[in-house]
Amino acid sequence: MKWPYNFMETSCTFFMPRKFGKMLIKAGIFLKSTKALNNTVFEYSIIFLSEYNSNGAIGFVINKPFIRKLNELEEFKHSPSFPLYDGGPVDKEHLFFIHQRPDLITNGIFIGENIYVGGKFKQAINCINNKSITAEEIKIFIGYCGWDAGELENEIEEGSWIVDEGKNGFMK
């Protein structure tokens, strides 16, 4: 699935839940890779699903730190050392983020459980630079995971993913 909008500065609707067996697939759930994905880019991955609709799904791998820190990227060399995550194999040229601070970062899209996707990226960087936001309140990703319509459902059906409706404290 191609990123259909400027995620950092705009909003759109994400919520189109669908029952899949006994599980409800919707934005805000987690996908845990199974042994079926061993020896792939998704081995041992936990994905936070940020969008699910009739066009497909988008999410971020939340448990794989990226090899570099924010300040090691040329554009952010004056920022403090701050963790980045390898969000997935799609669009590795852009940064994406989720956060829990709508009071500091405007235009984020509420997903649930006090999690927002995107918002004004310059505000997020300013908050990191002045230390008014912590790594427990924001995760920045290089790349994302995307599925076209029906692909994620097929992967779940074939046993590649386990759907988990909650992971308390995953931002920490």
Protein backbone atom coordinates (compact mmCIF):
# COMPACT_ATOMS: atom_id res chain seq x y z
CA MET A 1 0.00 0.00 0.00
CA LYS A 2 1.44 3.38 -0.96
CA TRP A 3 1.36 6.16 1.59
CA PRO A 4 -1.75 8.05 0.38
CA TYR A 5 -1.24 11.45 2.02
CA ASN A 6 1.22 13.72 3.75
CA PHE A 7 1.02 11.90 7.05
CA MET A 8 3.10 14.46 8.92
CA GLU A 9 0.85 17.45 8.33
CA THR A 10 -2.69 16.28 7.51
CA SER A 11 -5.43 14.17 8.93
CA CYS A 12 -7.65 11.51 7.46
CA THR A 13 -9.95 8.79 8.69
CA PHE A 14 -8.44 5.53 9.78
CA PHE A 15 -11.20 3.62 11.46
CA MET A 16 -12.85 0.84 9.53
CA PRO A 17 -12.74 -2.18 11.85
CA ARG A 18 -13.37 -5.64 10.46
CA LYS A 19 -14.04 -8.90 12.22
CA PHE A 20 -11.59 -11.60 11.26
CA GLY A 21 -12.58 -14.80 12.94
CA LYS A 22 -12.88 -13.84 16.61
CA MET A 23 -10.46 -10.91 16.32
CA LEU A 24 -11.27 -7.37 15.30
CA ILE A 25 -8.74 -5.90 12.89
CA LYS A 26 -8.58 -2.12 13.26
CA ALA A 27 -6.15 0.72 13.79
CA GLY A 28 -4.58 0.45 17.23
CA ILE A 29 -4.07 -3.31 17.38
CA PHE A 30 -0.76 -5.18 17.37
CA LEU A 31 0.48 -7.91 15.08
CA LYS A 32 3.07 -10.37 16.34
CA SER A 33 5.03 -12.34 13.78
CA THR A 34 4.99 -16.12 14.01
CA LYS A 35 7.62 -18.69 13.09
CA ALA A 36 6.20 -18.57 9.56
CA LEU A 37 8.07 -15.26 9.17
CA ASN A 38 11.41 -16.49 10.50
CA ASN A 39 14.32 -15.64 8.20
CA THR A 40 12.40 -12.67 6.78
CA VAL A 41 12.53 -8.95 7.53
CA PHE A 42 9.60 -9.50 9.91
CA GLU A 43 11.22 -12.17 12.10
CA TYR A 44 10.38 -11.43 15.79
CA SER A 45 8.45 -8.27 14.81
CA ILE A 46 5.67 -6.55 16.70
CA ILE A 47 3.72 -4.13 14.53
CA PHE A 48 1.43 -1.37 15.70
CA LEU A 49 -1.35 -1.06 13.12
CA SER A 50 -1.97 2.66 12.54
CA GLU A 51 -4.42 2.43 9.64
CA TYR A 52 -6.90 -0.16 8.42
CA ASN A 53 -9.47 0.51 5.72
CA SER A 54 -10.82 -0.81 2.43
CA ASN A 55 -7.53 0.08 0.69
CA GLY A 56 -5.40 -2.00 3.05
CA ALA A 57 -3.37 -1.45 6.20
CA ILE A 58 -0.36 0.52 7.44
CA GLY A 59 1.70 -0.04 10.57
CA PHE A 60 5.09 0.32 12.21
CA VAL A 61 7.49 -2.25 13.66
CA ILE A 62 7.83 -1.01 17.25
CA ASN A 63 10.44 -3.38 18.65
CA LYS A 64 13.43 -3.00 16.29
CA PRO A 65 15.74 -0.06 16.96
CA PHE A 66 17.32 1.51 13.88
CA ILE A 67 21.12 1.35 13.70
CA ARG A 68 21.47 5.14 13.94
CA LYS A 69 20.14 7.81 16.29
CA LEU A 70 18.26 10.95 15.23
CA ASN A 71 21.34 13.18 15.61
CA GLU A 72 23.27 10.90 13.25
CA LEU A 73 21.01 11.96 10.36
CA GLU A 74 22.46 15.02 8.61
CA GLU A 75 19.29 17.12 8.87
CA PHE A 76 19.14 16.57 12.64
CA LYS A 77 22.83 16.72 13.53
CA HIS A 78 22.15 19.48 16.09
CA SER A 79 19.49 17.43 17.87
CA PRO A 80 20.28 15.30 20.92
CA SER A 81 20.85 11.58 20.61
CA PHE A 82 17.36 10.11 20.30
CA PRO A 83 16.30 6.57 19.34
CA LEU A 84 14.90 5.76 15.92
CA TYR A 85 13.08 2.56 14.98
CA ASP A 86 13.10 0.52 11.81
CA GLY A 87 9.39 0.94 11.06
CA GLY A 88 9.29 -1.41 8.11
CA PRO A 89 10.50 -2.04 4.59
CA VAL A 90 8.38 0.59 2.78
CA ASP A 91 9.52 4.18 2.16
CA LYS A 92 12.84 4.09 4.02
CA GLU A 93 13.51 7.66 2.84
CA HIS A 94 11.04 9.26 5.26
CA LEU A 95 10.47 9.54 8.98
CA PHE A 96 7.10 8.79 10.60
CA PHE A 97 6.09 8.99 14.23
CA ILE A 98 3.56 8.09 16.89
CA HIS A 99 3.23 9.95 20.17
CA GLN A 100 1.27 10.53 23.35
CA ARG A 101 1.54 14.32 23.57
CA PRO A 102 -1.23 16.06 21.59
CA ASP A 103 -0.72 19.03 23.92
CA LEU A 104 2.75 19.54 22.40
CA ILE A 105 2.33 18.18 18.86
CA THR A 106 -0.73 19.33 16.93
CA ASN A 107 -2.51 17.72 13.98
CA GLY A 108 -1.86 14.15 15.11
CA ILE A 109 -4.51 11.56 14.36
CA PHE A 110 -5.98 9.89 17.44
CA ILE A 111 -5.79 6.10 17.16
CA GLY A 112 -6.79 5.11 20.70
CA GLU A 113 -5.28 4.44 24.13
CA ASN A 114 -3.71 7.93 24.10
CA ILE A 115 -1.75 7.18 20.91
CA TYR A 116 -1.58 9.68 18.06
CA VAL A 117 -0.06 9.14 14.65
CA GLY A 118 1.86 11.96 13.01
CA GLY A 119 1.27 15.64 13.48
CA LYS A 120 3.51 18.62 12.91
CA PHE A 121 6.96 17.10 12.64
CA LYS A 122 8.76 20.40 13.32
CA GLN A 123 6.92 20.63 16.63
CA ALA A 124 8.00 17.07 17.46
CA ILE A 125 11.65 17.86 16.70
CA ASN A 126 11.48 21.08 18.74
CA CYS A 127 10.09 19.09 21.68
CA ILE A 128 12.91 16.56 21.37
CA ASN A 129 15.49 19.35 21.12
CA ASN A 130 14.22 21.19 24.21
CA LYS A 131 13.63 17.90 26.05
CA SER A 132 9.93 18.57 26.69
CA ILE A 133 9.11 15.13 25.26
CA THR A 134 10.79 11.83 26.10
CA ALA A 135 11.47 8.59 24.22
CA GLU A 136 8.63 7.08 26.28
CA GLU A 137 6.19 9.58 24.73
CA ILE A 138 7.23 9.47 21.07
CA LYS A 139 8.64 6.88 18.68
CA ILE A 140 10.17 7.90 15.37
CA PHE A 141 10.32 5.37 12.55
CA ILE A 142 12.28 5.08 9.34
CA GLY A 143 9.91 3.39 6.94
CA TYR A 144 6.62 1.62 7.55
CA CYS A 145 4.78 -1.62 6.77
CA GLY A 146 2.00 -1.63 4.21
CA TRP A 147 -0.53 -4.12 2.89
CA ASP A 148 -2.90 -3.73 -0.03
CA ALA A 149 -6.55 -4.68 0.39
CA GLY A 150 -6.85 -8.31 1.46
CA GLU A 151 -3.10 -8.95 1.91
CA LEU A 152 -3.01 -8.62 5.68
CA GLU A 153 -6.08 -10.81 6.09
CA ASN A 154 -4.44 -13.48 3.90
CA GLU A 155 -1.23 -13.33 5.93
CA ILE A 156 -3.18 -13.70 9.19
CA GLU A 157 -5.16 -16.60 7.74
CA GLU A 158 -1.99 -18.40 6.62
CA GLY A 159 -0.57 -18.04 10.14
CA SER A 160 2.07 -15.35 9.63
CA TRP A 161 0.63 -12.98 12.24
CA ILE A 162 -1.06 -13.22 15.60
CA VAL A 163 -3.50 -10.37 16.29
CA ASP A 164 -3.17 -8.81 19.74
CA GLU A 165 -5.66 -6.15 20.80
CA GLY A 166 -3.42 -4.51 23.38
CA LYS A 167 0.10 -4.10 24.64
CA ASN A 168 0.04 -1.82 27.67
CA GLY A 169 2.96 0.54 27.85
CA PHE A 170 4.39 -0.23 24.42
CA MET A 171 5.70 3.31 24.08
CA LYS A 172 8.18 2.64 26.91
